PDB file of N, CA and C in Angstrom:
ATOM      1  N   MET A   1       6.352  -5.659  -0.436  1.00  0.00           N
ATOM      2  CA  MET A   1       6.948  -5.692  -1.855  1.00  0.00           C
ATOM      3  C   MET A   1       7.107  -7.479  -2.310  1.00  0.00           C
ATOM      4  N   VAL A   2       6.623  -7.594  -3.679  1.00  0.00           N
ATOM      5  CA  VAL A   2       6.922  -8.589  -3.629  1.00  0.00           C
ATOM      6  C   VAL A   2       7.855  -8.874  -4.745  1.00  0.00           C
ATOM      7  N   LYS A   3       8.721  -9.699  -5.173  1.00  0.00           N
ATOM      8  CA  LYS A   3      10.312  -9.819  -5.533  1.00  0.00           C
ATOM      9  C   LYS A   3       9.430  -9.174  -6.834  1.00  0.00           C
ATOM     10  N   ALA A   4       9.857  -8.972  -8.228  1.00  0.00           N
ATOM     11  CA  ALA A   4       9.786  -8.531  -9.526  1.00  0.00           C
ATOM     12  C   ALA A   4       9.127  -9.616 -10.536  1.00  0.00           C
ATOM     13  N   ALA A   5      10.207 -10.899 -10.412  1.00  0.00           N
ATOM     14  CA  ALA A   5       9.130 -12.006 -11.229  1.00  0.00           C
ATOM     15  C   ALA A   5       8.465 -12.481 -10.951  1.00  0.00           C
ATOM     16  N   LEU A   6       8.328 -12.208  -9.341  1.00  0.00           N
ATOM     17  CA  LEU A   6       6.813 -12.463  -9.340  1.00  0.00           C
ATOM     18  C   LEU A   6       5.689 -11.776  -9.031  1.00  0.00           C
ATOM     19  N   GLN A   7       5.208 -10.121  -9.474  1.00  0.00           N
ATOM     20  CA  GLN A   7       4.470  -9.539  -9.763  1.00  0.00           C
ATOM     21  C   GLN A   7       3.539  -9.826 -10.514  1.00  0.00           C
ATOM     22  N   GLY A   8       2.594  -9.449 -10.456  1.00  0.00           N
ATOM     23  CA  GLY A   8       1.203 -10.502 -11.121  1.00  0.00           C
ATOM     24  C   GLY A   8       0.255 -11.125 -11.033  1.00  0.00           C
ATOM     25  N   GLN A   9       0.880 -12.349  -9.917  1.00  0.00           N
ATOM     26  CA  GLN A   9       0.367 -13.221  -9.323  1.00  0.00           C
ATOM     27  C   GLN A   9      -1.085 -12.601  -8.482  1.00  0.00           C
ATOM     28  N   GLY A  10      -0.915 -11.880  -7.662  1.00  0.00           N
ATOM     29  CA  GLY A  10      -2.127 -12.116  -6.777  1.00  0.00           C
ATOM     30  C   GLY A  10      -1.563 -11.933  -5.266  1.00  0.00           C
ATOM     31  N   ILE A  11       0.325 -12.301  -5.597  1.00  0.00           N
ATOM     32  CA  ILE A  11       0.154 -12.374  -4.022  1.00  0.00           C
ATOM     33  C   ILE A  11       0.415 -11.123  -3.169  1.00  0.00           C
ATOM     34  N   ALA A  12       0.353  -9.279  -3.606  1.00  0.00           N
ATOM     35  CA  ALA A  12       0.947  -9.152  -2.269  1.00  0.00           C
ATOM     36  C   ALA A  12      -0.787  -8.373  -1.873  1.00  0.00           C
ATOM     37  N   LYS A  13      -2.325  -8.972  -2.310  1.00  0.00           N
ATOM     38  CA  LYS A  13      -3.656  -9.310  -2.918  1.00  0.00           C
ATOM     39  C   LYS A  13      -3.629 -10.201  -1.902  1.00  0.00           C
ATOM     40  N   ARG A  14      -3.040 -11.543  -1.803  1.00  0.00           N
ATOM     41  CA  ARG A  14      -3.327 -12.734  -0.829  1.00  0.00           C
ATOM     42  C   ARG A  14      -2.984 -12.039   1.179  1.00  0.00           C
ATOM     43  N   LEU A  15      -1.365 -11.746   0.141  1.00  0.00           N
ATOM     44  CA  LEU A  15      -0.943 -11.081   1.744  1.00  0.00           C
ATOM     45  C   LEU A  15      -1.280 -10.448   2.200  1.00  0.00           C
ATOM     46  N   CYS A  16      -2.000  -8.989   1.401  1.00  0.00           N
ATOM     47  CA  CYS A  16      -3.333  -7.920   1.875  1.00  0.00           C
ATOM     48  C   CYS A  16      -3.848  -8.607   2.440  1.00  0.00           C
ATOM     49  N   GLU A  17      -4.688  -9.145   1.665  1.00  0.00           N
ATOM     50  CA  GLU A  17      -5.609 -10.049   2.870  1.00  0.00           C
ATOM     51  C   GLU A  17      -5.693 -10.683   3.485  1.00  0.00           C
ATOM     52  N   HIS A  18      -4.696 -11.738   3.940  1.00  0.00           N
ATOM     53  CA  HIS A  18      -4.629 -12.510   4.745  1.00  0.00           C
ATOM     54  C   HIS A  18      -4.109 -11.833   6.251  1.00  0.00           C
ATOM     55  N   LEU A  19      -3.260 -10.380   5.664  1.00  0.00           N
ATOM     56  CA  LEU A  19      -3.173  -8.844   6.992  1.00  0.00           C
ATOM     57  C   LEU A  19      -3.861  -8.784   7.608  1.00  0.00           C
ATOM     58  N   GLN A  20      -5.507  -8.440   7.138  1.00  0.00           N
ATOM     59  CA  GLN A  20      -6.401  -7.836   7.808  1.00  0.00           C
ATOM     60  C   GLN A  20      -6.743  -8.729   8.318  1.00  0.00           C
ATOM     61  N   ALA A  21      -7.375  -9.803   7.999  1.00  0.00           N
ATOM     62  CA  ALA A  21      -8.006 -10.654   8.936  1.00  0.00           C
ATOM     63  C   ALA A  21      -7.471 -10.437  10.148  1.00  0.00           C
ATOM     64  N   ILE A  22      -5.948 -11.191  10.168  1.00  0.00           N
ATOM     65  CA  ILE A  22      -5.544 -11.161  11.590  1.00  0.00           C
ATOM     66  C   ILE A  22      -5.592 -10.195  12.474  1.00  0.00           C
ATOM     67  N   ALA A  23      -5.781  -8.753  11.481  1.00  0.00           N
ATOM     68  CA  ALA A  23      -6.059  -7.424  12.178  1.00  0.00           C
ATOM     69  C   ALA A  23      -7.079  -7.710  12.779  1.00  0.00           C
ATOM     70  N   LYS A  24      -8.379  -8.152  11.871  1.00  0.00           N
ATOM     71  CA  LYS A  24      -9.278  -7.860  12.550  1.00  0.00           C
ATOM     72  C   LYS A  24      -9.812  -9.316  13.952  1.00  0.00           C
ATOM     73  N   GLU A  25      -8.369 -10.135  13.798  1.00  0.00           N
ATOM     74  CA  GLU A  25      -8.984 -11.038  14.587  1.00  0.00           C
ATOM     75  C   GLU A  25      -8.011 -11.042  15.966  1.00  0.00           C
ATOM     76  N   LEU A  26      -7.444  -9.816  16.295  1.00  0.00           N
ATOM     77  CA  LEU A  26      -6.521  -9.721  17.253  1.00  0.00           C
ATOM     78  C   LEU A  26      -7.807  -7.735  17.403  1.00  0.00           C
ATOM     79  N   GLY A  27      -8.120  -7.252  17.016  1.00  0.00           N
ATOM     80  CA  GLY A  27      -9.317  -6.979  18.172  1.00  0.00           C
ATOM     81  C   GLY A  27      -8.840  -4.763  16.689  1.00  0.00           C
ATOM     82  N   PHE A  28      -8.234  -5.469  16.042  1.00  0.00           N
ATOM     83  CA  PHE A  28      -7.282  -4.187  15.841  1.00  0.00           C
ATOM     84  C   PHE A  28      -9.058  -3.795  14.595  1.00  0.00           C
ATOM     85  N   GLU A  29      -9.087  -1.669  14.668  1.00  0.00           N
ATOM     86  CA  GLU A  29     -10.293  -1.690  13.351  1.00  0.00           C
ATOM     87  C   GLU A  29      -9.949  -0.522  12.572  1.00  0.00           C
ATOM     88  N   ALA A  30      -8.956  -0.798  11.677  1.00  0.00           N
ATOM     89  CA  ALA A  30      -8.742  -0.018  11.195  1.00  0.00           C
ATOM     90  C   ALA A  30      -6.795  -0.156  10.698  1.00  0.00           C
ATOM     91  N   MET A  31      -6.678  -0.419   9.023  1.00  0.00           N
ATOM     92  CA  MET A  31      -5.167  -0.292   8.747  1.00  0.00           C
ATOM     93  C   MET A  31      -4.790   0.845   8.104  1.00  0.00           C
ATOM     94  N   GLN A  32      -3.355   1.009   8.035  1.00  0.00           N
ATOM     95  CA  GLN A  32      -3.158   2.053   7.590  1.00  0.00           C
ATOM     96  C   GLN A  32      -1.597   2.001   7.054  1.00  0.00           C
ATOM     97  N   PHE A  33      -1.089   2.614   5.807  1.00  0.00           N
ATOM     98  CA  PHE A  33       0.119   2.286   5.373  1.00  0.00           C
ATOM     99  C   PHE A  33       1.008   3.503   5.338  1.00  0.00           C
ATOM    100  N   ASN A  34       2.271   4.136   5.435  1.00  0.00           N
ATOM    101  CA  ASN A  34       2.324   5.342   6.490  1.00  0.00           C
ATOM    102  C   ASN A  34       3.216   5.773   4.511  1.00  0.00           C
ATOM    103  N   SER A  35       3.896   4.826   4.287  1.00  0.00           N
ATOM    104  CA  SER A  35       4.516   5.148   2.704  1.00  0.00           C
ATOM    105  C   SER A  35       4.403   4.215   1.087  1.00  0.00           C
ATOM    106  N   VAL A  36       3.099   5.019   0.796  1.00  0.00           N
ATOM    107  CA  VAL A  36       3.100   4.238  -0.574  1.00  0.00           C
ATOM    108  C   VAL A  36       3.721   5.269  -1.687  1.00  0.00           C
ATOM    109  N   VAL A  37       4.657   4.558  -2.415  1.00  0.00           N
ATOM    110  CA  VAL A  37       5.119   5.553  -3.727  1.00  0.00           C
ATOM    111  C   VAL A  37       3.906   5.827  -4.398  1.00  0.00           C
ATOM    112  N   SER A  38       4.185   7.334  -4.673  1.00  0.00           N
ATOM    113  CA  SER A  38       3.389   7.353  -5.618  1.00  0.00           C
ATOM    114  C   SER A  38       3.234   7.224  -7.069  1.00  0.00           C
ATOM    115  N   THR A  39       4.415   7.068  -7.648  1.00  0.00           N
ATOM    116  CA  THR A  39       4.334   6.350  -8.741  1.00  0.00           C
ATOM    117  C   THR A  39       4.468   4.476  -8.801  1.00  0.00           C
ATOM    118  N   LYS A  40       3.828   3.953  -7.789  1.00  0.00           N
ATOM    119  CA  LYS A  40       4.602   2.753  -8.086  1.00  0.00           C
ATOM    120  C   LYS A  40       2.599   2.491  -7.651  1.00  0.00           C
ATOM    121  N   VAL A  41       2.529   2.406  -8.900  1.00  0.00           N
ATOM    122  CA  VAL A  41       1.178   2.257  -9.805  1.00  0.00           C
ATOM    123  C   VAL A  41       0.195   1.294  -9.798  1.00  0.00           C
ATOM    124  N   ALA A  42       0.699   0.172  -9.387  1.00  0.00           N
ATOM    125  CA  ALA A  42       0.066  -0.961  -9.532  1.00  0.00           C
ATOM    126  C   ALA A  42      -0.305  -1.456  -7.978  1.00  0.00           C
ATOM    127  N   ALA A  43       0.459  -0.995  -7.016  1.00  0.00           N
ATOM    128  CA  ALA A  43       0.303  -0.791  -5.672  1.00  0.00           C
ATOM    129  C   ALA A  43      -0.993   0.550  -5.531  1.00  0.00           C
ATOM    130  N   VAL A  44      -0.322   0.894  -6.412  1.00  0.00           N
ATOM    131  CA  VAL A  44      -2.129   2.150  -5.087  1.00  0.00           C
ATOM    132  C   VAL A  44      -3.294   1.473  -5.860  1.00  0.00           C
ATOM    133  N   HIS A  45      -2.911   1.316  -6.790  1.00  0.00           N
ATOM    134  CA  HIS A  45      -4.151   0.859  -7.224  1.00  0.00           C
ATOM    135  C   HIS A  45      -4.926  -0.534  -6.807  1.00  0.00           C
ATOM    136  N   LEU A  46      -4.208  -1.146  -6.344  1.00  0.00           N
ATOM    137  CA  LEU A  46      -3.911  -2.820  -4.868  1.00  0.00           C
ATOM    138  C   LEU A  46      -4.537  -2.432  -4.331  1.00  0.00           C
ATOM    139  N   TRP A  47      -3.757  -1.411  -3.709  1.00  0.00           N
ATOM    140  CA  TRP A  47      -4.366  -0.964  -1.691  1.00  0.00           C
ATOM    141  C   TRP A  47      -5.515  -0.375  -2.004  1.00  0.00           C
ATOM    142  N   LYS A  48      -6.358   0.645  -3.147  1.00  0.00           N
ATOM    143  CA  LYS A  48      -8.167   1.152  -3.423  1.00  0.00           C
ATOM    144  C   LYS A  48      -8.607   0.317  -3.655  1.00  0.00           C
ATOM    145  N   THR A  49      -8.136  -1.096  -4.961  1.00  0.00           N
ATOM    146  CA  THR A  49      -9.129  -2.128  -4.617  1.00  0.00           C
ATOM    147  C   THR A  49      -9.580  -2.948  -3.503  1.00  0.00           C
ATOM    148  N   LEU A  50      -8.629  -2.696  -2.285  1.00  0.00           N
ATOM    149  CA  LEU A  50      -8.955  -3.345  -1.325  1.00  0.00           C
ATOM    150  C   LEU A  50      -9.793  -2.230   0.148  1.00  0.00           C
ATOM    151  N   GLY A  51     -10.342  -1.550  -0.768  1.00  0.00           N
ATOM    152  CA  GLY A  51     -10.616  -0.600   0.122  1.00  0.00           C
ATOM    153  C   GLY A  51     -10.002   0.929   1.163  1.00  0.00           C
ATOM    154  N   TYR A  52      -8.670   0.706   0.049  1.00  0.00           N
ATOM    155  CA  TYR A  52      -7.967   1.568   1.374  1.00  0.00           C
ATOM    156  C   TYR A  52      -8.497   3.213   0.923  1.00  0.00           C
ATOM    157  N   GLN A  53      -8.091   4.456   2.009  1.00  0.00           N
ATOM    158  CA  GLN A  53      -8.073   5.280   0.767  1.00  0.00           C
ATOM    159  C   GLN A  53      -6.592   6.293   0.881  1.00  0.00           C
ATOM    160  N   ILE A  54      -6.256   7.499  -0.013  1.00  0.00           N
ATOM    161  CA  ILE A  54      -5.386   8.120  -0.104  1.00  0.00           C
ATOM    162  C   ILE A  54      -5.716   9.139   1.111  1.00  0.00           C
ATOM    163  N   ILE A  55      -4.990   9.056   2.943  1.00  0.00           N
ATOM    164  CA  ILE A  55      -5.354  10.263   3.717  1.00  0.00           C
ATOM    165  C   ILE A  55      -4.895  11.228   3.753  1.00  0.00           C
ATOM    166  N   GLY A  56      -3.098  11.582   3.562  1.00  0.00           N
ATOM    167  CA  GLY A  56      -2.516  12.371   3.181  1.00  0.00           C
ATOM    168  C   GLY A  56      -1.183  12.181   1.552  1.00  0.00           C
ATOM    169  N   THR A  57      -0.468  13.224   2.179  1.00  0.00           N
ATOM    170  CA  THR A  57       0.699  13.131   0.945  1.00  0.00           C
ATOM    171  C   THR A  57       2.378  13.323   1.672  1.00  0.00           C
ATOM    172  N   ILE A  58       2.986  12.677   1.670  1.00  0.00           N
ATOM    173  CA  ILE A  58       4.930  13.249   1.777  1.00  0.00           C
ATOM    174  C   ILE A  58       5.013  13.428   0.357  1.00  0.00           C
ATOM    175  N   PRO A  59       5.205  15.082   0.542  1.00  0.00           N
ATOM    176  CA  PRO A  59       5.816  15.435  -0.704  1.00  0.00           C
ATOM    177  C   PRO A  59       6.978  15.143  -0.584  1.00  0.00           C
ATOM    178  N   LYS A  60       7.902  14.499  -1.749  1.00  0.00           N
ATOM    179  CA  LYS A  60       8.714  14.203  -2.346  1.00  0.00           C
ATOM    180  C   LYS A  60       9.120  13.434  -1.491  1.00  0.00           C
ATOM    181  N   GLY A  61       9.000  11.922  -0.603  1.00  0.00           N
ATOM    182  CA  GLY A  61       8.738  11.326   0.371  1.00  0.00           C
ATOM    183  C   GLY A  61       9.687  10.150   0.322  1.00  0.00           C
ATOM    184  N   TYR A  62       9.866  10.263  -1.695  1.00  0.00           N
ATOM    185  CA  TYR A  62      10.496   9.406  -1.741  1.00  0.00           C
ATOM    186  C   TYR A  62      12.058   9.377  -2.702  1.00  0.00           C
ATOM    187  N   GLN A  63      13.244   9.157  -3.079  1.00  0.00           N
ATOM    188  CA  GLN A  63      13.996   9.419  -3.534  1.00  0.00           C
ATOM    189  C   GLN A  63      14.227   8.241  -4.694  1.00  0.00           C
ATOM    190  N   HIS A  64      13.695   8.320  -5.930  1.00  0.00           N
ATOM    191  CA  HIS A  64      13.024   7.727  -7.200  1.00  0.00           C
ATOM    192  C   HIS A  64      14.564   7.982  -7.496  1.00  0.00           C
ATOM    193  N   ARG A  65      15.369   6.745  -7.953  1.00  0.00           N
ATOM    194  CA  ARG A  65      16.413   6.794  -8.646  1.00  0.00           C
ATOM    195  C   ARG A  65      16.799   7.367 -10.092  1.00  0.00           C
ATOM    196  N   GLN A  66      15.919   7.246 -10.780  1.00  0.00           N
ATOM    197  CA  GLN A  66      15.762   7.779 -12.304  1.00  0.00           C
ATOM    198  C   GLN A  66      14.539   8.696 -12.154  1.00  0.00           C
ATOM    199  N   LEU A  67      13.832   9.329 -11.291  1.00  0.00           N
ATOM    200  CA  LEU A  67      12.362  10.792 -11.363  1.00  0.00           C
ATOM    201  C   LEU A  67      12.435  11.284 -10.510  1.00  0.00           C
ATOM    202  N   ARG A  68      14.240  10.829  -9.394  1.00  0.00           N
ATOM    203  CA  ARG A  68      14.316  12.060  -7.733  1.00  0.00           C
ATOM    204  C   ARG A  68      13.782  12.272  -6.857  1.00  0.00           C
ATOM    205  N   ASP A  69      13.234  13.313  -6.338  1.00  0.00           N
ATOM    206  CA  ASP A  69      11.971  13.125  -5.365  1.00  0.00           C
ATOM    207  C   ASP A  69      10.719  12.794  -6.020  1.00  0.00           C
ATOM    208  N   VAL A  70      10.217  12.108  -5.441  1.00  0.00           N
ATOM    209  CA  VAL A  70       8.534  11.524  -5.736  1.00  0.00           C
ATOM    210  C   VAL A  70       7.470  11.216  -4.622  1.00  0.00           C
ATOM    211  N   ASP A  71       6.553  11.789  -4.319  1.00  0.00           N
ATOM    212  CA  ASP A  71       5.902  11.237  -3.502  1.00  0.00           C
ATOM    213  C   ASP A  71       5.145  10.692  -2.988  1.00  0.00           C
ATOM    214  N   CYS A  72       4.542  10.529  -1.706  1.00  0.00           N
ATOM    215  CA  CYS A  72       5.047   9.502  -1.314  1.00  0.00           C
ATOM    216  C   CYS A  72       3.635   9.583  -0.593  1.00  0.00           C
ATOM    217  N   TYR A  73       2.169   8.098  -0.106  1.00  0.00           N
ATOM    218  CA  TYR A  73       1.004   8.274   0.132  1.00  0.00           C
ATOM    219  C   TYR A  73       0.814   7.882   1.218  1.00  0.00           C
ATOM    220  N   VAL A  74      -0.077   7.852   2.112  1.00  0.00           N
ATOM    221  CA  VAL A  74      -0.398   7.462   3.545  1.00  0.00           C
ATOM    222  C   VAL A  74      -1.029   7.169   3.425  1.00  0.00           C
ATOM    223  N   MET A  75      -1.946   5.764   3.454  1.00  0.00           N
ATOM    224  CA  MET A  75      -3.419   5.317   2.594  1.00  0.00           C
ATOM    225  C   MET A  75      -3.746   4.735   3.926  1.00  0.00           C
ATOM    226  N   TYR A  76      -4.901   4.674   4.061  1.00  0.00           N
ATOM    227  CA  TYR A  76      -5.847   4.020   5.686  1.00  0.00           C
ATOM    228  C   TYR A  76      -7.497   3.256   5.198  1.00  0.00           C
ATOM    229  N   GLN A  77      -7.640   2.609   5.927  1.00  0.00           N
ATOM    230  CA  GLN A  77      -8.822   1.840   5.920  1.00  0.00           C
ATOM    231  C   GLN A  77      -9.426   1.407   7.355  1.00  0.00           C
ATOM    232  N   PHE A  78     -10.889   1.574   7.259  1.00  0.00           N
ATOM    233  CA  PHE A  78     -11.063   1.152   8.184  1.00  0.00           C
ATOM    234  C   PHE A  78     -11.156  -0.707   8.010  1.00  0.00           C
ATOM    235  N   LEU A  79     -11.152  -1.167   8.705  1.00  0.00           N
ATOM    236  CA  LEU A  79     -12.002  -2.949   8.811  1.00  0.00           C
ATOM    237  C   LEU A  79     -12.972  -3.462   9.091  1.00  0.00           C
TER     238      LEU A  79
END
């Protein structure tokens, strides 16, 4: 998660690309995010642009302050 004041600067993308590079160096063959909040549209879009796919949904897996219970996604990518 990137602090709200710093969002939109590509920080999350660079962090994810860095983590993927390290994972590959260590011999990992895939990466998975176990809980991506469905209402975090920018995050879901970012992970998709980096090659992640939604492979599952956790119904009402996150308690949002305004929207109450919202779904979470499990997102996965082969490296």
